[in-house]
């Protein structure tokens, strides 16, 4: 099981059937304030960070 925000990390301390638990802290783009353009930049940045983290995890699991 992987949690990606601090709220989920705190709210989900246990998940039945999970063999391993990891926490990858990312900014929550839903918390972003500002213009639509600023919000979109944050969503894109976090999406890219998550994609990179998954790729690194998969590579290290080989």
PDB file of N, CA and C in Angstrom:
ATOM      1  N   UNK A   1       0.841  -1.159   0.000  1.00  0.00           N
ATOM      2  CA  UNK A   1       0.000   0.000   0.000  1.00  0.00           C
ATOM      3  C   UNK A   1       0.890   1.228   0.000  1.00  0.00           C
ATOM      4  N   UNK A   2       0.499   2.212  -0.790  1.00  0.00           N
ATOM      5  CA  UNK A   2       1.248   3.461  -0.852  1.00  0.00           C
ATOM      6  C   UNK A   2       0.298   4.610  -0.563  1.00  0.00           C
ATOM      7  N   UNK A   3       0.658   5.431   0.411  1.00  0.00           N
ATOM      8  CA  UNK A   3      -0.077   6.674   0.643  1.00  0.00           C
ATOM      9  C   UNK A   3       0.741   7.799   0.047  1.00  0.00           C
ATOM     10  N   UNK A   4       0.055   8.815  -0.469  1.00  0.00           N
ATOM     11  CA  UNK A   4       0.775   9.882  -1.169  1.00  0.00           C
ATOM     12  C   UNK A   4       0.542  11.265  -0.572  1.00  0.00           C
ATOM     13  N   UNK A   5      -0.262  11.358   0.465  1.00  0.00           N
ATOM     14  CA  UNK A   5      -0.408  12.641   1.144  1.00  0.00           C
ATOM     15  C   UNK A   5      -0.450  12.371   2.639  1.00  0.00           C
ATOM     16  N   UNK A   6      -0.118  13.368   3.432  1.00  0.00           N
ATOM     17  CA  UNK A   6      -0.040  13.179   4.873  1.00  0.00           C
ATOM     18  C   UNK A   6      -1.384  12.800   5.472  1.00  0.00           C
ATOM     19  N   UNK A   7      -2.476  13.354   4.933  1.00  0.00           N
ATOM     20  CA  UNK A   7      -3.808  13.013   5.454  1.00  0.00           C
ATOM     21  C   UNK A   7      -4.067  11.510   5.287  1.00  0.00           C
ATOM     22  N   UNK A   8      -3.787  10.974   4.129  1.00  0.00           N
ATOM     23  CA  UNK A   8      -3.987   9.543   3.900  1.00  0.00           C
ATOM     24  C   UNK A   8      -3.064   8.717   4.783  1.00  0.00           C
ATOM     25  N   UNK A   9      -1.865   9.185   4.998  1.00  0.00           N
ATOM     26  CA  UNK A   9      -0.912   8.477   5.845  1.00  0.00           C
ATOM     27  C   UNK A   9      -1.456   8.355   7.263  1.00  0.00           C
ATOM     28  N   UNK A  10      -2.082   9.417   7.745  1.00  0.00           N
ATOM     29  CA  UNK A  10      -2.643   9.410   9.092  1.00  0.00           C
ATOM     30  C   UNK A  10      -3.972   8.650   9.154  1.00  0.00           C
ATOM     31  N   UNK A  11      -4.796   8.795   8.126  1.00  0.00           N
ATOM     32  CA  UNK A  11      -6.130   8.200   8.136  1.00  0.00           C
ATOM     33  C   UNK A  11      -6.114   6.705   7.813  1.00  0.00           C
ATOM     34  N   UNK A  12      -5.061   6.227   7.176  1.00  0.00           N
ATOM     35  CA  UNK A  12      -4.990   4.822   6.750  1.00  0.00           C
ATOM     36  C   UNK A  12      -3.766   4.140   7.354  1.00  0.00           C
ATOM     37  N   UNK A  13      -3.726   4.001   8.675  1.00  0.00           N
ATOM     38  CA  UNK A  13      -2.544   3.375   9.266  1.00  0.00           C
ATOM     39  C   UNK A  13      -2.435   1.886   8.973  1.00  0.00           C
ATOM     40  N   UNK A  14      -3.539   1.282   8.529  1.00  0.00           N
ATOM     41  CA  UNK A  14      -3.548  -0.154   8.276  1.00  0.00           C
ATOM     42  C   UNK A  14      -4.474  -0.429   7.101  1.00  0.00           C
ATOM     43  N   UNK A  15      -4.058  -1.342   6.227  1.00  0.00           N
ATOM     44  CA  UNK A  15      -4.891  -1.746   5.100  1.00  0.00           C
ATOM     45  C   UNK A  15      -4.856  -3.262   5.031  1.00  0.00           C
ATOM     46  N   UNK A  16      -5.995  -3.922   5.237  1.00  0.00           N
ATOM     47  CA  UNK A  16      -6.005  -5.389   5.238  1.00  0.00           C
ATOM     48  C   UNK A  16      -5.437  -5.952   3.936  1.00  0.00           C
ATOM     49  N   UNK A  17      -4.571  -6.920   4.076  1.00  0.00           N
ATOM     50  CA  UNK A  17      -4.000  -7.595   2.917  1.00  0.00           C
ATOM     51  C   UNK A  17      -2.732  -6.950   2.372  1.00  0.00           C
ATOM     52  N   UNK A  18      -2.419  -5.759   2.816  1.00  0.00           N
ATOM     53  CA  UNK A  18      -1.209  -5.092   2.326  1.00  0.00           C
ATOM     54  C   UNK A  18       0.016  -5.782   2.923  1.00  0.00           C
ATOM     55  N   UNK A  19       0.929  -6.194   2.058  1.00  0.00           N
ATOM     56  CA  UNK A  19       2.137  -6.856   2.525  1.00  0.00           C
ATOM     57  C   UNK A  19       3.199  -5.852   2.939  1.00  0.00           C
ATOM     58  N   UNK A  20       3.101  -4.669   2.380  1.00  0.00           N
ATOM     59  CA  UNK A  20       4.077  -3.621   2.668  1.00  0.00           C
ATOM     60  C   UNK A  20       3.348  -2.283   2.638  1.00  0.00           C
ATOM     61  N   UNK A  21       3.856  -1.342   3.419  1.00  0.00           N
ATOM     62  CA  UNK A  21       3.256  -0.016   3.464  1.00  0.00           C
ATOM     63  C   UNK A  21       4.350   1.015   3.251  1.00  0.00           C
ATOM     64  N   UNK A  22       4.099   1.922   2.316  1.00  0.00           N
ATOM     65  CA  UNK A  22       5.044   3.001   2.032  1.00  0.00           C
ATOM     66  C   UNK A  22       4.298   4.320   2.068  1.00  0.00           C
ATOM     67  N   UNK A  23       5.016   5.365   2.424  1.00  0.00           N
ATOM     68  CA  UNK A  23       4.437   6.705   2.360  1.00  0.00           C
ATOM     69  C   UNK A  23       5.338   7.563   1.476  1.00  0.00           C
ATOM     70  N   UNK A  24       4.767   8.046   0.397  1.00  0.00           N
ATOM     71  CA  UNK A  24       5.467   8.949  -0.508  1.00  0.00           C
ATOM     72  C   UNK A  24       4.792  10.306  -0.383  1.00  0.00           C
ATOM     73  N   UNK A  25       5.354  11.220   0.388  1.00  0.00           N
ATOM     74  CA  UNK A  25       4.683  12.507   0.619  1.00  0.00           C
ATOM     75  C   UNK A  25       4.772  13.429  -0.597  1.00  0.00           C
ATOM     76  N   UNK A  26       3.633  13.784  -1.107  1.00  0.00           N
ATOM     77  CA  UNK A  26       3.533  14.745  -2.205  1.00  0.00           C
ATOM     78  C   UNK A  26       2.635  15.887  -1.753  1.00  0.00           C
ATOM     79  N   UNK A  27       2.852  17.055  -2.318  1.00  0.00           N
ATOM     80  CA  UNK A  27       1.934  18.161  -2.073  1.00  0.00           C
ATOM     81  C   UNK A  27       0.554  17.754  -2.576  1.00  0.00           C
ATOM     82  N   UNK A  28      -0.481  18.189  -1.883  1.00  0.00           N
ATOM     83  CA  UNK A  28      -1.845  17.924  -2.334  1.00  0.00           C
ATOM     84  C   UNK A  28      -2.255  19.063  -3.256  1.00  0.00           C
ATOM     85  N   UNK A  29      -2.379  18.802  -4.549  1.00  0.00           N
ATOM     86  CA  UNK A  29      -2.708  19.881  -5.477  1.00  0.00           C
ATOM     87  C   UNK A  29      -4.081  20.492  -5.214  1.00  0.00           C
ATOM     88  N   UNK A  30      -4.950  19.773  -4.537  1.00  0.00           N
ATOM     89  CA  UNK A  30      -6.270  20.322  -4.216  1.00  0.00           C
ATOM     90  C   UNK A  30      -6.163  21.470  -3.216  1.00  0.00           C
ATOM     91  N   UNK A  31      -5.042  21.564  -2.512  1.00  0.00           N
ATOM     92  CA  UNK A  31      -4.833  22.648  -1.555  1.00  0.00           C
ATOM     93  C   UNK A  31      -4.326  23.927  -2.218  1.00  0.00           C
ATOM     94  N   UNK A  32      -3.973  23.852  -3.482  1.00  0.00           N
ATOM     95  CA  UNK A  32      -3.406  25.000  -4.200  1.00  0.00           C
ATOM     96  C   UNK A  32      -4.442  26.124  -4.314  1.00  0.00           C
ATOM     97  N   UNK A  33      -3.976  27.323  -4.077  1.00  0.00           N
ATOM     98  CA  UNK A  33      -4.812  28.502  -4.269  1.00  0.00           C
ATOM     99  C   UNK A  33      -4.209  29.321  -5.397  1.00  0.00           C
ATOM    100  N   UNK A  34      -4.946  30.270  -5.886  1.00  0.00           N
ATOM    101  CA  UNK A  34      -4.442  31.119  -6.956  1.00  0.00           C
ATOM    102  C   UNK A  34      -5.301  30.984  -8.192  1.00  0.00           C
ATOM    103  N   UNK A  35      -4.720  31.364  -9.297  1.00  0.00           N
ATOM    104  CA  UNK A  35      -5.450  31.331 -10.561  1.00  0.00           C
ATOM    105  C   UNK A  35      -5.584  29.887 -11.053  1.00  0.00           C
ATOM    106  N   UNK A  36      -6.457  29.700 -12.023  1.00  0.00           N
ATOM    107  CA  UNK A  36      -6.597  28.368 -12.611  1.00  0.00           C
ATOM    108  C   UNK A  36      -5.277  27.890 -13.196  1.00  0.00           C
ATOM    109  N   UNK A  37      -4.519  28.800 -13.770  1.00  0.00           N
ATOM    110  CA  UNK A  37      -3.220  28.453 -14.354  1.00  0.00           C
ATOM    111  C   UNK A  37      -2.248  27.976 -13.268  1.00  0.00           C
ATOM    112  N   UNK A  38      -2.220  28.662 -12.135  1.00  0.00           N
ATOM    113  CA  UNK A  38      -1.345  28.257 -11.039  1.00  0.00           C
ATOM    114  C   UNK A  38      -1.752  26.893 -10.493  1.00  0.00           C
ATOM    115  N   UNK A  39      -3.045  26.684 -10.350  1.00  0.00           N
ATOM    116  CA  UNK A  39      -3.543  25.396  -9.865  1.00  0.00           C
ATOM    117  C   UNK A  39      -3.162  24.274 -10.833  1.00  0.00           C
ATOM    118  N   UNK A  40      -3.321  24.526 -12.122  1.00  0.00           N
ATOM    119  CA  UNK A  40      -2.989  23.507 -13.123  1.00  0.00           C
ATOM    120  C   UNK A  40      -1.502  23.180 -13.090  1.00  0.00           C
ATOM    121  N   UNK A  41      -0.658  24.184 -12.933  1.00  0.00           N
ATOM    122  CA  UNK A  41       0.789  23.932 -12.849  1.00  0.00           C
ATOM    123  C   UNK A  41       1.114  23.011 -11.674  1.00  0.00           C
ATOM    124  N   UNK A  42       0.423  23.232 -10.548  1.00  0.00           N
ATOM    125  CA  UNK A  42       0.659  22.379  -9.380  1.00  0.00           C
ATOM    126  C   UNK A  42       0.199  20.959  -9.649  1.00  0.00           C
ATOM    127  N   UNK A  43      -0.986  20.781 -10.243  1.00  0.00           N
ATOM    128  CA  UNK A  43      -1.462  19.441 -10.572  1.00  0.00           C
ATOM    129  C   UNK A  43      -0.492  18.729 -11.506  1.00  0.00           C
ATOM    130  N   UNK A  44      -0.007  19.422 -12.515  1.00  0.00           N
ATOM    131  CA  UNK A  44       0.922  18.822 -13.476  1.00  0.00           C
ATOM    132  C   UNK A  44       2.239  18.450 -12.790  1.00  0.00           C
ATOM    133  N   UNK A  45       2.744  19.337 -11.941  1.00  0.00           N
ATOM    134  CA  UNK A  45       3.999  19.063 -11.227  1.00  0.00           C
ATOM    135  C   UNK A  45       3.863  17.820 -10.354  1.00  0.00           C
ATOM    136  N   UNK A  46       2.782  17.753  -9.586  1.00  0.00           N
ATOM    137  CA  UNK A  46       2.595  16.611  -8.691  1.00  0.00           C
ATOM    138  C   UNK A  46       2.380  15.327  -9.496  1.00  0.00           C
ATOM    139  N   UNK A  47       1.629  15.415 -10.583  1.00  0.00           N
ATOM    140  CA  UNK A  47       1.441  14.246 -11.451  1.00  0.00           C
ATOM    141  C   UNK A  47       2.796  13.726 -11.930  1.00  0.00           C
ATOM    142  N   UNK A  48       3.658  14.646 -12.373  1.00  0.00           N
ATOM    143  CA  UNK A  48       4.977  14.255 -12.876  1.00  0.00           C
ATOM    144  C   UNK A  48       5.842  13.662 -11.767  1.00  0.00           C
ATOM    145  N   UNK A  49       5.749  14.224 -10.559  1.00  0.00           N
ATOM    146  CA  UNK A  49       6.512  13.692  -9.430  1.00  0.00           C
ATOM    147  C   UNK A  49       6.058  12.276  -9.088  1.00  0.00           C
ATOM    148  N   UNK A  50       4.750  12.039  -9.117  1.00  0.00           N
ATOM    149  CA  UNK A  50       4.227  10.700  -8.830  1.00  0.00           C
ATOM    150  C   UNK A  50       4.678   9.712  -9.902  1.00  0.00           C
ATOM    151  N   UNK A  51       4.605  10.121 -11.150  1.00  0.00           N
ATOM    152  CA  UNK A  51       5.046   9.255 -12.251  1.00  0.00           C
ATOM    153  C   UNK A  51       6.514   8.875 -12.079  1.00  0.00           C
ATOM    154  N   UNK A  52       7.344   9.836 -11.733  1.00  0.00           N
ATOM    155  CA  UNK A  52       8.777   9.579 -11.541  1.00  0.00           C
ATOM    156  C   UNK A  52       9.003   8.627 -10.370  1.00  0.00           C
ATOM    157  N   UNK A  53       8.275   8.835  -9.282  1.00  0.00           N
ATOM    158  CA  UNK A  53       8.430   7.978  -8.102  1.00  0.00           C
ATOM    159  C   UNK A  53       8.034   6.541  -8.413  1.00  0.00           C
ATOM    160  N   UNK A  54       6.952   6.366  -9.157  1.00  0.00           N
ATOM    161  CA  UNK A  54       6.515   5.021  -9.538  1.00  0.00           C
ATOM    162  C   UNK A  54       7.565   4.351 -10.420  1.00  0.00           C
ATOM    163  N   UNK A  55       8.085   5.089 -11.391  1.00  0.00           N
ATOM    164  CA  UNK A  55       9.108   4.530 -12.283  1.00  0.00           C
ATOM    165  C   UNK A  55      10.345   4.108 -11.500  1.00  0.00           C
ATOM    166  N   UNK A  56      10.780   4.936 -10.550  1.00  0.00           N
ATOM    167  CA  UNK A  56      11.947   4.600  -9.735  1.00  0.00           C
ATOM    168  C   UNK A  56      11.671   3.377  -8.868  1.00  0.00           C
ATOM    169  N   UNK A  57      10.471   3.307  -8.317  1.00  0.00           N
ATOM    170  CA  UNK A  57      10.105   2.156  -7.492  1.00  0.00           C
ATOM    171  C   UNK A  57      10.118   0.870  -8.324  1.00  0.00           C
ATOM    172  N   UNK A  58       9.514   0.914  -9.503  1.00  0.00           N
ATOM    173  CA  UNK A  58       9.480  -0.269 -10.369  1.00  0.00           C
ATOM    174  C   UNK A  58      10.882  -0.694 -10.789  1.00  0.00           C
ATOM    175  N   UNK A  59      11.722   0.270 -11.092  1.00  0.00           N
ATOM    176  CA  UNK A  59      13.094  -0.034 -11.499  1.00  0.00           C
ATOM    177  C   UNK A  59      13.857  -0.685 -10.349  1.00  0.00           C
ATOM    178  N   UNK A  60      13.661  -0.184  -9.141  1.00  0.00           N
ATOM    179  CA  UNK A  60      14.385  -0.741  -7.990  1.00  0.00           C
ATOM    180  C   UNK A  60      13.838  -2.101  -7.562  1.00  0.00           C
ATOM    181  N   UNK A  61      12.661  -2.449  -8.033  1.00  0.00           N
ATOM    182  CA  UNK A  61      12.027  -3.725  -7.669  1.00  0.00           C
ATOM    183  C   UNK A  61      12.425  -4.871  -8.580  1.00  0.00           C
ATOM    184  N   UNK A  62      13.191  -4.568  -9.610  1.00  0.00           N
ATOM    185  CA  UNK A  62      13.588  -5.621 -10.572  1.00  0.00           C
ATOM    186  C   UNK A  62      14.588  -6.569  -9.973  1.00  0.00           C
TER     187      UNK A  62
END
